[in-house]
Amino acid sequence: MSDSTSSSVSNRNSSTNNSNHFGKYVKLNVGNHLFLTSFDTLTKEDTMFKAMFSGRMEVVQDSEGWVLIDRDGKHFNIILNYLRDSTLNLPDCTQTLNELLQEAKFYCIQSLIELIEQHIRIRLRKNAGDIDACCKVIMLTSAKELPNIVATVRKPIVKLAINRHNNKYSYTASSDEMLMKNIELFDKLSIRLQNRILFVKDVTGSEEICCWSFYGNGQKMAEVCCTSIVYATERKQNKVEFFEARIYEETLNILLYENRNAPVDEIIRATTPRFVSNSLNDDDLDEERWTNTSSASATSRPPRKR
């Protein structure tokens, strides 16, 4: 008998002997976490367990027959379920994924290593995409910058002027809260519409405390001023308000100017009520003529004699 043949027979005999020694089921103590599984589950793939229970590695057992593995057993249930039926429920936590990857490498489960590494790569690409899609807001440092931005940028522009340091008068009790609500709405809109609108924050220290400006087609189209002066006893106070509905409305209106190539008068014509009659169909026009004729004949009819 050749050496290779005798070696193969020796390995089979060693595997058979280990199978007979451990029986159908194997008791595992992984870092004081106890698991019971079948011999076939552990020897299904070419892993560290197959080497252990084929006689190629030393197996340490305690007096009760538990196979001792000096490893943290926190994630071993995921390892064992994968060996049983290839099911894999990977966690979302990056740290847990890395810990599980180290366990898979320790037990030499190559197929599981590849799956975890692939999942980590997908998560990294997704996170990188989220970073690239972060919101970018222009911060004005000089009043001279705005005209240049309005003239050159093709997107509609929403500008919020914030100047809390304008302490010419004292502020009303609710002004700080209202100012914060305006800032929060600006941040919310900039995240939601940053691909369609350029958002600009003006902190150059102008006279305005809180004022929204809306630009389209190279010119200012609307403004929502959120500050006013109220008169208290023997003093004046700055009052900041939060016109949420008006701000939303003007933001949606400014989206009409996304296409800089469209003439401004066409946009105004399409959104102005006095031009709506131009879009009436023939039936609407016939009905309108009949109404006008009836009202005219009624007006020209002579009064009846009594």
C-alpha atoms as a PDB file:
ATOM      1  CA  MET A   1       0.000   0.000   0.000  1.00  0.00           C
ATOM      2  CA  SER A   2       1.354   3.433  -0.984  1.00  0.00           C
ATOM      3  CA  ASP A   3       2.017   6.229   1.505  1.00  0.00           C
ATOM      4  CA  SER A   4      -0.861   8.408   0.134  1.00  0.00           C
ATOM      5  CA  THR A   5      -3.294   5.526   0.361  1.00  0.00           C
ATOM      6  CA  SER A   6      -2.245   4.702   3.898  1.00  0.00           C
ATOM      7  CA  SER A   7      -2.537   8.399   4.839  1.00  0.00           C
ATOM      8  CA  SER A   8      -6.073   8.588   3.408  1.00  0.00           C
ATOM      9  CA  VAL A   9      -7.100   5.449   5.242  1.00  0.00           C
ATOM     10  CA  SER A  10      -5.524   6.822   8.410  1.00  0.00           C
ATOM     11  CA  ASN A  11      -7.507  10.084   8.138  1.00  0.00           C
ATOM     12  CA  ARG A  12     -10.768   8.219   7.540  1.00  0.00           C
ATOM     13  CA  ASN A  13     -10.089   5.969  10.473  1.00  0.00           C
ATOM     14  CA  SER A  14      -9.212   8.999  12.619  1.00  0.00           C
ATOM     15  CA  SER A  15     -12.425  10.766  11.571  1.00  0.00           C
ATOM     16  CA  THR A  16     -14.445   7.629  12.265  1.00  0.00           C
ATOM     17  CA  ASN A  17     -12.778   7.253  15.635  1.00  0.00           C
ATOM     18  CA  ASN A  18     -13.557  10.885  16.548  1.00  0.00           C
ATOM     19  CA  SER A  19     -17.162  10.453  15.392  1.00  0.00           C
ATOM     20  CA  ASN A  20     -17.508   7.392  17.544  1.00  0.00           C
ATOM     21  CA  HIS A  21     -15.787   9.183  20.407  1.00  0.00           C
ATOM     22  CA  PHE A  22     -18.073  12.259  20.375  1.00  0.00           C
ATOM     23  CA  GLY A  23     -21.220  10.455  19.301  1.00  0.00           C
ATOM     24  CA  LYS A  24     -23.982  11.957  17.161  1.00  0.00           C
ATOM     25  CA  TYR A  25     -24.073  15.221  19.110  1.00  0.00           C
ATOM     26  CA  VAL A  26     -21.286  17.476  20.338  1.00  0.00           C
ATOM     27  CA  LYS A  27     -21.365  19.725  23.399  1.00  0.00           C
ATOM     28  CA  LEU A  28     -19.452  23.004  22.945  1.00  0.00           C
ATOM     29  CA  ASN A  29     -18.396  25.417  25.657  1.00  0.00           C
ATOM     30  CA  VAL A  30     -17.408  28.643  23.859  1.00  0.00           C
ATOM     31  CA  GLY A  31     -16.268  31.199  26.422  1.00  0.00           C
ATOM     32  CA  ASN A  32     -18.720  29.769  28.999  1.00  0.00           C
ATOM     33  CA  HIS A  33     -21.580  29.878  26.444  1.00  0.00           C
ATOM     34  CA  LEU A  34     -22.938  26.349  26.059  1.00  0.00           C
ATOM     35  CA  PHE A  35     -24.111  24.973  22.697  1.00  0.00           C
ATOM     36  CA  LEU A  36     -25.359  21.555  21.607  1.00  0.00           C
ATOM     37  CA  THR A  37     -25.107  20.620  17.929  1.00  0.00           C
ATOM     38  CA  SER A  38     -24.613  17.615  15.713  1.00  0.00           C
ATOM     39  CA  PHE A  39     -21.299  16.156  14.629  1.00  0.00           C
ATOM     40  CA  ASP A  40     -22.369  16.429  10.971  1.00  0.00           C
ATOM     41  CA  THR A  41     -23.056  20.182  11.316  1.00  0.00           C
ATOM     42  CA  LEU A  42     -19.543  20.886  12.541  1.00  0.00           C
ATOM     43  CA  THR A  43     -17.823  18.732   9.901  1.00  0.00           C
ATOM     44  CA  LYS A  44     -19.972  19.789   6.920  1.00  0.00           C
ATOM     45  CA  GLU A  45     -17.479  22.394   5.647  1.00  0.00           C
ATOM     46  CA  ASP A  46     -13.715  22.476   5.670  1.00  0.00           C
ATOM     47  CA  THR A  47     -13.383  24.639   8.768  1.00  0.00           C
ATOM     48  CA  MET A  48     -11.499  24.604  12.034  1.00  0.00           C
ATOM     49  CA  PHE A  49     -14.205  22.337  13.482  1.00  0.00           C
ATOM     50  CA  LYS A  50     -13.603  19.737  10.799  1.00  0.00           C
ATOM     51  CA  ALA A  51      -9.912  19.848  11.676  1.00  0.00           C
ATOM     52  CA  MET A  52     -10.743  19.486  15.372  1.00  0.00           C
ATOM     53  CA  PHE A  53     -13.051  16.531  15.007  1.00  0.00           C
ATOM     54  CA  SER A  54     -11.023  14.743  12.353  1.00  0.00           C
ATOM     55  CA  GLY A  55      -8.058  14.319  14.661  1.00  0.00           C
ATOM     56  CA  ARG A  56      -5.888  17.020  13.048  1.00  0.00           C
ATOM     57  CA  MET A  57      -6.204  19.278  16.100  1.00  0.00           C
ATOM     58  CA  GLU A  58      -6.202  18.622  19.785  1.00  0.00           C
ATOM     59  CA  VAL A  59      -9.635  18.730  21.406  1.00  0.00           C
ATOM     60  CA  VAL A  60      -9.879  19.774  25.047  1.00  0.00           C
ATOM     61  CA  GLN A  61     -12.823  18.460  27.067  1.00  0.00           C
ATOM     62  CA  ASP A  62     -13.832  18.946  30.669  1.00  0.00           C
ATOM     63  CA  SER A  63     -14.992  16.223  33.016  1.00  0.00           C
ATOM     64  CA  GLU A  64     -18.598  16.489  31.738  1.00  0.00           C
ATOM     65  CA  GLY A  65     -17.642  16.079  28.073  1.00  0.00           C
ATOM     66  CA  TRP A  66     -17.961  19.732  26.996  1.00  0.00           C
ATOM     67  CA  VAL A  67     -15.491  20.676  24.258  1.00  0.00           C
ATOM     68  CA  LEU A  68     -13.737  23.825  25.426  1.00  0.00           C
ATOM     69  CA  ILE A  69     -13.072  26.629  22.919  1.00  0.00           C
ATOM     70  CA  ASP A  70     -11.200  29.612  24.304  1.00  0.00           C
ATOM     71  CA  ARG A  71     -13.227  32.255  22.467  1.00  0.00           C
ATOM     72  CA  ASP A  72     -15.953  34.787  23.265  1.00  0.00           C
ATOM     73  CA  GLY A  73     -19.276  33.060  22.589  1.00  0.00           C
ATOM     74  CA  LYS A  74     -21.303  36.272  22.133  1.00  0.00           C
ATOM     75  CA  HIS A  75     -21.718  35.771  18.367  1.00  0.00           C
ATOM     76  CA  PHE A  76     -21.322  32.008  18.191  1.00  0.00           C
ATOM     77  CA  ASN A  77     -25.053  31.412  17.725  1.00  0.00           C
ATOM     78  CA  ILE A  78     -24.817  33.229  14.350  1.00  0.00           C
ATOM     79  CA  ILE A  79     -21.821  31.073  13.412  1.00  0.00           C
ATOM     80  CA  LEU A  80     -23.615  27.873  14.399  1.00  0.00           C
ATOM     81  CA  ASN A  81     -26.861  28.709  12.584  1.00  0.00           C
ATOM     82  CA  TYR A  82     -24.892  29.432   9.429  1.00  0.00           C
ATOM     83  CA  LEU A  83     -23.176  26.035   9.676  1.00  0.00           C
ATOM     84  CA  ARG A  84     -26.530  24.314  10.219  1.00  0.00           C
ATOM     85  CA  ASP A  85     -28.526  25.582   7.227  1.00  0.00           C
ATOM     86  CA  SER A  86     -26.573  28.525   5.712  1.00  0.00           C
ATOM     87  CA  THR A  87     -29.029  31.066   7.163  1.00  0.00           C
ATOM     88  CA  LEU A  88     -27.447  34.417   7.944  1.00  0.00           C
ATOM     89  CA  ASN A  89     -29.008  37.435   9.631  1.00  0.00           C
ATOM     90  CA  LEU A  90     -26.283  40.037   9.744  1.00  0.00           C
ATOM     91  CA  PRO A  91     -26.577  42.943  12.198  1.00  0.00           C
ATOM     92  CA  ASP A  92     -26.575  46.597  11.104  1.00  0.00           C
ATOM     93  CA  CYS A  93     -23.978  47.702  13.634  1.00  0.00           C
ATOM     94  CA  THR A  94     -20.548  48.110  12.010  1.00  0.00           C
ATOM     95  CA  GLN A  95     -18.711  47.151  15.191  1.00  0.00           C
ATOM     96  CA  THR A  96     -20.731  43.935  15.524  1.00  0.00           C
ATOM     97  CA  LEU A  97     -20.053  43.107  11.868  1.00  0.00           C
ATOM     98  CA  ASN A  98     -16.316  43.481  12.412  1.00  0.00           C
ATOM     99  CA  GLU A  99     -16.471  41.317  15.546  1.00  0.00           C
ATOM    100  CA  LEU A 100     -18.393  38.658  13.648  1.00  0.00           C
ATOM    101  CA  LEU A 101     -15.857  38.805  10.816  1.00  0.00           C
ATOM    102  CA  GLN A 102     -13.035  38.105  13.267  1.00  0.00           C
ATOM    103  CA  GLU A 103     -14.939  35.109  14.646  1.00  0.00           C
ATOM    104  CA  ALA A 104     -15.508  33.749  11.141  1.00  0.00           C
ATOM    105  CA  LYS A 105     -11.781  34.094  10.410  1.00  0.00           C
ATOM    106  CA  PHE A 106     -10.867  32.350  13.673  1.00  0.00           C
ATOM    107  CA  TYR A 107     -13.047  29.359  12.791  1.00  0.00           C
ATOM    108  CA  CYS A 108     -11.784  29.439   9.154  1.00  0.00           C
ATOM    109  CA  ILE A 109     -15.294  29.544   7.631  1.00  0.00           C
ATOM    110  CA  GLN A 110     -14.345  30.959   4.236  1.00  0.00           C
ATOM    111  CA  SER A 111     -17.847  31.240   2.775  1.00  0.00           C
ATOM    112  CA  LEU A 112     -19.049  33.203   5.812  1.00  0.00           C
ATOM    113  CA  ILE A 113     -15.986  35.454   5.654  1.00  0.00           C
ATOM    114  CA  GLU A 114     -16.801  36.378   2.056  1.00  0.00           C
ATOM    115  CA  LEU A 115     -20.452  37.140   2.849  1.00  0.00           C
ATOM    116  CA  ILE A 116     -19.594  39.406   5.780  1.00  0.00           C
ATOM    117  CA  GLU A 117     -16.895  41.249   3.838  1.00  0.00           C
ATOM    118  CA  GLN A 118     -19.336  41.795   0.957  1.00  0.00           C
ATOM    119  CA  HIS A 119     -21.954  43.160   3.359  1.00  0.00           C
ATOM    120  CA  ILE A 120     -19.397  45.541   4.896  1.00  0.00           C
ATOM    121  CA  ARG A 121     -18.368  46.806   1.441  1.00  0.00           C
ATOM    122  CA  ILE A 122     -21.998  47.507   0.526  1.00  0.00           C
ATOM    123  CA  ARG A 123     -22.515  49.431   3.757  1.00  0.00           C
ATOM    124  CA  LEU A 124     -19.361  51.479   3.150  1.00  0.00           C
ATOM    125  CA  ARG A 125     -20.490  52.393  -0.375  1.00  0.00           C
ATOM    126  CA  LYS A 126     -23.918  53.355   0.908  1.00  0.00           C
ATOM    127  CA  ASN A 127     -22.460  55.501   3.675  1.00  0.00           C
ATOM    128  CA  ALA A 128     -20.096  57.154   1.211  1.00  0.00           C
ATOM    129  CA  GLY A 129     -23.083  57.978  -0.995  1.00  0.00           C
ATOM    130  CA  ASP A 130     -24.889  59.549   1.949  1.00  0.00           C
ATOM    131  CA  ILE A 131     -21.875  61.729   2.648  1.00  0.00           C
ATOM    132  CA  ASP A 132     -21.671  62.855  -0.983  1.00  0.00           C
ATOM    133  CA  ALA A 133     -25.350  63.796  -0.878  1.00  0.00           C
ATOM    134  CA  CYS A 134     -24.974  66.035   2.138  1.00  0.00           C
ATOM    135  CA  CYS A 135     -26.567  69.447   2.006  1.00  0.00           C
ATOM    136  CA  LYS A 136     -24.397  72.425   1.043  1.00  0.00           C
ATOM    137  CA  VAL A 137     -25.431  75.937   2.079  1.00  0.00           C
ATOM    138  CA  ILE A 138     -23.584  79.057   0.965  1.00  0.00           C
ATOM    139  CA  MET A 139     -22.671  81.410   3.792  1.00  0.00           C
ATOM    140  CA  LEU A 140     -22.459  85.049   2.769  1.00  0.00           C
ATOM    141  CA  THR A 141     -19.489  86.902   4.184  1.00  0.00           C
ATOM    142  CA  SER A 142     -20.064  90.167   2.337  1.00  0.00           C
ATOM    143  CA  ALA A 143     -23.064  92.016   0.940  1.00  0.00           C
ATOM    144  CA  LYS A 144     -21.260  92.277  -2.414  1.00  0.00           C
ATOM    145  CA  GLU A 145     -21.394  88.511  -2.949  1.00  0.00           C
ATOM    146  CA  LEU A 146     -25.171  88.190  -3.302  1.00  0.00           C
ATOM    147  CA  PRO A 147     -25.646  90.115  -6.618  1.00  0.00           C
ATOM    148  CA  ASN A 148     -22.959  87.997  -8.252  1.00  0.00           C
ATOM    149  CA  ILE A 149     -24.552  84.784  -7.001  1.00  0.00           C
ATOM    150  CA  VAL A 150     -28.029  85.811  -8.176  1.00  0.00           C
ATOM    151  CA  ALA A 151     -26.729  86.769 -11.614  1.00  0.00           C
ATOM    152  CA  THR A 152     -24.671  83.625 -12.252  1.00  0.00           C
ATOM    153  CA  VAL A 153     -26.463  80.739 -10.518  1.00  0.00           C
ATOM    154  CA  ARG A 154     -29.070  79.042 -12.702  1.00  0.00           C
ATOM    155  CA  LYS A 155     -30.999  77.509  -9.813  1.00  0.00           C
ATOM    156  CA  PRO A 156     -33.694  79.375  -7.886  1.00  0.00           C
ATOM    157  CA  ILE A 157     -32.281  80.853  -4.683  1.00  0.00           C
ATOM    158  CA  VAL A 158     -33.695  80.994  -1.168  1.00  0.00           C
ATOM    159  CA  LYS A 159     -31.855  83.305   1.214  1.00  0.00           C
ATOM    160  CA  LEU A 160     -32.364  83.610   4.954  1.00  0.00           C
ATOM    161  CA  ALA A 161     -30.925  86.669   6.645  1.00  0.00           C
ATOM    162  CA  ILE A 162     -30.209  85.999  10.320  1.00  0.00           C
ATOM    163  CA  ASN A 163     -28.848  88.699  12.593  1.00  0.00           C
ATOM    164  CA  ARG A 164     -29.537  87.899  16.226  1.00  0.00           C
ATOM    165  CA  HIS A 165     -26.845  90.351  17.258  1.00  0.00           C
ATOM    166  CA  ASN A 166     -28.948  93.330  16.213  1.00  0.00           C
ATOM    167  CA  ASN A 167     -29.645  94.509  19.746  1.00  0.00           C
ATOM    168  CA  LYS A 168     -31.001  97.935  18.890  1.00  0.00           C
ATOM    169  CA  TYR A 169     -34.069  97.019  20.932  1.00  0.00           C
ATOM    170  CA  SER A 170     -34.781  94.216  23.332  1.00  0.00           C
ATOM    171  CA  TYR A 171     -36.605  91.097  22.130  1.00  0.00           C
ATOM    172  CA  THR A 172     -40.029  89.841  23.072  1.00  0.00           C
ATOM    173  CA  ALA A 173     -40.312  86.708  25.200  1.00  0.00           C
ATOM    174  CA  SER A 174     -41.086  84.357  22.300  1.00  0.00           C
ATOM    175  CA  SER A 175     -38.637  85.855  19.789  1.00  0.00           C
ATOM    176  CA  ASP A 176     -35.819  83.407  20.463  1.00  0.00           C
ATOM    177  CA  GLU A 177     -38.129  80.444  19.955  1.00  0.00           C
ATOM    178  CA  MET A 178     -39.549  81.888  16.722  1.00  0.00           C
ATOM    179  CA  LEU A 179     -36.067  82.642  15.437  1.00  0.00           C
ATOM    180  CA  MET A 180     -35.032  79.054  16.074  1.00  0.00           C
ATOM    181  CA  LYS A 181     -38.103  77.772  14.224  1.00  0.00           C
ATOM    182  CA  ASN A 182     -37.146  79.831  11.176  1.00  0.00           C
ATOM    183  CA  ILE A 183     -33.625  78.415  11.264  1.00  0.00           C
ATOM    184  CA  GLU A 184     -34.937  74.850  11.643  1.00  0.00           C
ATOM    185  CA  LEU A 185     -37.282  75.296   8.672  1.00  0.00           C
ATOM    186  CA  PHE A 186     -34.417  76.658   6.578  1.00  0.00           C
ATOM    187  CA  ASP A 187     -32.310  73.593   7.423  1.00  0.00           C
ATOM    188  CA  LYS A 188     -35.204  71.244   6.681  1.00  0.00           C
ATOM    189  CA  LEU A 189     -35.894  72.824   3.282  1.00  0.00           C
ATOM    190  CA  SER A 190     -32.210  72.900   2.363  1.00  0.00           C
ATOM    191  CA  ILE A 191     -31.880  69.158   3.019  1.00  0.00           C
ATOM    192  CA  ARG A 192     -35.049  68.304   1.117  1.00  0.00           C
ATOM    193  CA  LEU A 193     -34.585  70.590  -1.913  1.00  0.00           C
ATOM    194  CA  GLN A 194     -30.825  71.073  -2.112  1.00  0.00           C
ATOM    195  CA  ASN A 195     -30.722  69.517  -5.611  1.00  0.00           C
ATOM    196  CA  ARG A 196     -33.265  71.997  -6.992  1.00  0.00           C
ATOM    197  CA  ILE A 197     -32.704  75.203  -5.026  1.00  0.00           C
ATOM    198  CA  LEU A 198     -29.565  77.006  -3.906  1.00  0.00           C
ATOM    199  CA  PHE A 199     -29.861  77.927  -0.229  1.00  0.00           C
ATOM    200  CA  VAL A 200     -27.956  80.916   1.090  1.00  0.00           C
ATOM    201  CA  LYS A 201     -27.585  81.997   4.697  1.00  0.00           C
ATOM    202  CA  ASP A 202     -26.804  85.668   5.238  1.00  0.00           C
ATOM    203  CA  VAL A 203     -25.051  86.454   8.511  1.00  0.00           C
ATOM    204  CA  THR A 204     -23.250  89.598   7.349  1.00  0.00           C
ATOM    205  CA  GLY A 205     -24.879  91.712  10.041  1.00  0.00           C
ATOM    206  CA  SER A 206     -27.488  93.542   8.017  1.00  0.00           C
ATOM    207  CA  GLU A 207     -30.312  95.525   9.567  1.00  0.00           C
ATOM    208  CA  GLU A 208     -32.692  92.607   9.090  1.00  0.00           C
ATOM    209  CA  ILE A 209     -33.019  90.248  12.044  1.00  0.00           C
ATOM    210  CA  CYS A 210     -34.894  87.443  10.241  1.00  0.00           C
ATOM    211  CA  CYS A 211     -35.941  87.787   6.628  1.00  0.00           C
ATOM    212  CA  TRP A 212     -36.531  85.282   3.800  1.00  0.00           C
ATOM    213  CA  SER A 213     -35.786  86.302   0.191  1.00  0.00           C
ATOM    214  CA  PHE A 214     -36.659  84.303  -2.938  1.00  0.00           C
ATOM    215  CA  TYR A 215     -34.818  84.767  -6.246  1.00  0.00           C
ATOM    216  CA  GLY A 216     -35.624  83.348  -9.666  1.00  0.00           C
ATOM    217  CA  ASN A 217     -34.411  84.054 -13.180  1.00  0.00           C
ATOM    218  CA  GLY A 218     -31.799  86.477 -11.884  1.00  0.00           C
ATOM    219  CA  GLN A 219     -34.098  88.727  -9.896  1.00  0.00           C
ATOM    220  CA  LYS A 220     -35.821  88.948  -6.524  1.00  0.00           C
ATOM    221  CA  MET A 221     -39.335  87.523  -6.753  1.00  0.00           C
ATOM    222  CA  ALA A 222     -40.638  87.574  -3.160  1.00  0.00           C
ATOM    223  CA  GLU A 223     -39.751  88.357   0.427  1.00  0.00           C
ATOM    224  CA  VAL A 224     -41.090  87.271   3.811  1.00  0.00           C
ATOM    225  CA  CYS A 225     -39.936  89.507   6.659  1.00  0.00           C
ATOM    226  CA  CYS A 226     -40.395  87.861  10.045  1.00  0.00           C
ATOM    227  CA  THR A 227     -39.549  90.827  12.283  1.00  0.00           C
ATOM    228  CA  SER A 228     -41.431  93.847  13.475  1.00  0.00           C
ATOM    229  CA  ILE A 229     -41.265  96.446  16.244  1.00  0.00           C
ATOM    230  CA  VAL A 230     -43.787  96.421  19.057  1.00  0.00           C
ATOM    231  CA  TYR A 231     -44.200  99.078  21.709  1.00  0.00           C
ATOM    232  CA  ALA A 232     -44.133  97.998  25.329  1.00  0.00           C
ATOM    233  CA  THR A 233     -44.260 100.242  28.375  1.00  0.00           C
ATOM    234  CA  GLU A 234     -41.667 102.978  27.859  1.00  0.00           C
ATOM    235  CA  ARG A 235     -39.624 100.872  25.420  1.00  0.00           C
ATOM    236  CA  LYS A 236     -39.575  99.313  21.985  1.00  0.00           C
ATOM    237  CA  GLN A 237     -39.101  95.590  21.389  1.00  0.00           C
ATOM    238  CA  ASN A 238     -38.137  93.472  18.383  1.00  0.00           C
ATOM    239  CA  LYS A 239     -40.678  90.774  17.641  1.00  0.00           C
ATOM    240  CA  VAL A 240     -39.733  87.720  15.567  1.00  0.00           C
ATOM    241  CA  GLU A 241     -42.526  85.677  13.977  1.00  0.00           C
ATOM    242  CA  PHE A 242     -42.695  82.358  12.135  1.00  0.00           C
ATOM    243  CA  PHE A 243     -44.745  82.477   8.914  1.00  0.00           C
ATOM    244  CA  GLU A 244     -44.396  78.805   8.071  1.00  0.00           C
ATOM    245  CA  ALA A 245     -47.212  78.597   5.508  1.00  0.00           C
ATOM    246  CA  ARG A 246     -46.055  81.688   3.605  1.00  0.00           C
ATOM    247  CA  ILE A 247     -42.470  80.449   3.521  1.00  0.00           C
ATOM    248  CA  TYR A 248     -43.542  77.061   2.161  1.00  0.00           C
ATOM    249  CA  GLU A 249     -45.724  78.762  -0.434  1.00  0.00           C
ATOM    250  CA  GLU A 250     -42.968  81.064  -1.690  1.00  0.00           C
ATOM    251  CA  THR A 251     -40.485  78.179  -1.758  1.00  0.00           C
ATOM    252  CA  LEU A 252     -42.821  76.170  -3.990  1.00  0.00           C
ATOM    253  CA  ASN A 253     -43.484  79.212  -6.168  1.00  0.00           C
ATOM    254  CA  ILE A 254     -39.781  79.785  -6.704  1.00  0.00           C
ATOM    255  CA  LEU A 255     -39.488  76.280  -8.159  1.00  0.00           C
ATOM    256  CA  LEU A 256     -41.306  77.653 -11.234  1.00  0.00           C
ATOM    257  CA  TYR A 257     -38.034  79.372 -12.121  1.00  0.00           C
ATOM    258  CA  GLU A 258     -35.929  76.219 -12.280  1.00  0.00           C
ATOM    259  CA  ASN A 259     -35.694  76.581 -16.072  1.00  0.00           C
ATOM    260  CA  ARG A 260     -33.803  79.805 -16.722  1.00  0.00           C
ATOM    261  CA  ASN A 261     -34.497  79.499 -20.481  1.00  0.00           C
ATOM    262  CA  ALA A 262     -38.239  80.100 -20.098  1.00  0.00           C
ATOM    263  CA  PRO A 263     -39.283  83.764 -20.446  1.00  0.00           C
ATOM    264  CA  VAL A 264     -40.418  85.311 -17.182  1.00  0.00           C
ATOM    265  CA  ASP A 265     -43.611  86.706 -18.706  1.00  0.00           C
ATOM    266  CA  GLU A 266     -44.723  83.177 -19.695  1.00  0.00           C
ATOM    267  CA  ILE A 267     -44.393  82.003 -16.102  1.00  0.00           C
ATOM    268  CA  ILE A 268     -46.242  85.054 -14.820  1.00  0.00           C
ATOM    269  CA  ARG A 269     -48.943  84.599 -17.467  1.00  0.00           C
ATOM    270  CA  ALA A 270     -49.442  80.950 -16.448  1.00  0.00           C
ATOM    271  CA  THR A 271     -49.778  81.764 -12.758  1.00  0.00           C
ATOM    272  CA  THR A 272     -51.747  85.028 -12.849  1.00  0.00           C
ATOM    273  CA  PRO A 273     -55.561  84.740 -12.483  1.00  0.00           C
ATOM    274  CA  ARG A 274     -56.376  87.359 -15.136  1.00  0.00           C
ATOM    275  CA  PHE A 275     -54.788  85.195 -17.806  1.00  0.00           C
ATOM    276  CA  VAL A 276     -56.642  82.019 -16.872  1.00  0.00           C
ATOM    277  CA  SER A 277     -59.427  82.765 -19.385  1.00  0.00           C
ATOM    278  CA  ASN A 278     -56.902  82.270 -22.185  1.00  0.00           C
ATOM    279  CA  SER A 279     -56.808  78.563 -21.378  1.00  0.00           C
ATOM    280  CA  LEU A 280     -60.605  78.038 -21.546  1.00  0.00           C
ATOM    281  CA  ASN A 281     -61.853  75.454 -24.024  1.00  0.00           C
ATOM    282  CA  ASP A 282     -64.511  76.025 -26.703  1.00  0.00           C
ATOM    283  CA  ASP A 283     -67.397  74.865 -24.513  1.00  0.00           C
ATOM    284  CA  ASP A 284     -66.341  77.246 -21.777  1.00  0.00           C
ATOM    285  CA  LEU A 285     -66.109  80.079 -24.303  1.00  0.00           C
ATOM    286  CA  ASP A 286     -69.606  79.315 -25.729  1.00  0.00           C
ATOM    287  CA  GLU A 287     -71.041  79.294 -22.227  1.00  0.00           C
ATOM    288  CA  GLU A 288     -69.288  82.553 -21.414  1.00  0.00           C
ATOM    289  CA  ARG A 289     -70.661  84.186 -24.632  1.00  0.00           C
ATOM    290  CA  TRP A 290     -74.195  82.980 -23.858  1.00  0.00           C
ATOM    291  CA  THR A 291     -73.940  84.401 -20.321  1.00  0.00           C
ATOM    292  CA  ASN A 292     -72.675  87.733 -21.614  1.00  0.00           C
ATOM    293  CA  THR A 293     -75.407  87.900 -24.280  1.00  0.00           C
ATOM    294  CA  SER A 294     -78.148  87.111 -21.787  1.00  0.00           C
ATOM    295  CA  SER A 295     -76.938  89.728 -19.352  1.00  0.00           C
ATOM    296  CA  ALA A 296     -76.638  92.306 -22.169  1.00  0.00           C
ATOM    297  CA  SER A 297     -80.172  91.665 -23.464  1.00  0.00           C
ATOM    298  CA  ALA A 298     -81.536  91.884 -19.955  1.00  0.00           C
ATOM    299  CA  THR A 299     -79.808  95.206 -19.507  1.00  0.00           C
ATOM    300  CA  SER A 300     -81.088  96.656 -22.813  1.00  0.00           C
ATOM    301  CA  ARG A 301     -84.683  95.448 -22.362  1.00  0.00           C
ATOM    302  CA  PRO A 302     -87.053  98.425 -21.843  1.00  0.00           C
ATOM    303  CA  PRO A 303     -89.014  98.527 -18.588  1.00  0.00           C
ATOM    304  CA  ARG A 304     -92.589  97.299 -18.788  1.00  0.00           C
ATOM    305  CA  LYS A 305     -95.380  99.793 -18.397  1.00  0.00           C
ATOM    306  CA  ARG A 306     -97.668  99.328 -15.440  1.00  0.00           C
END
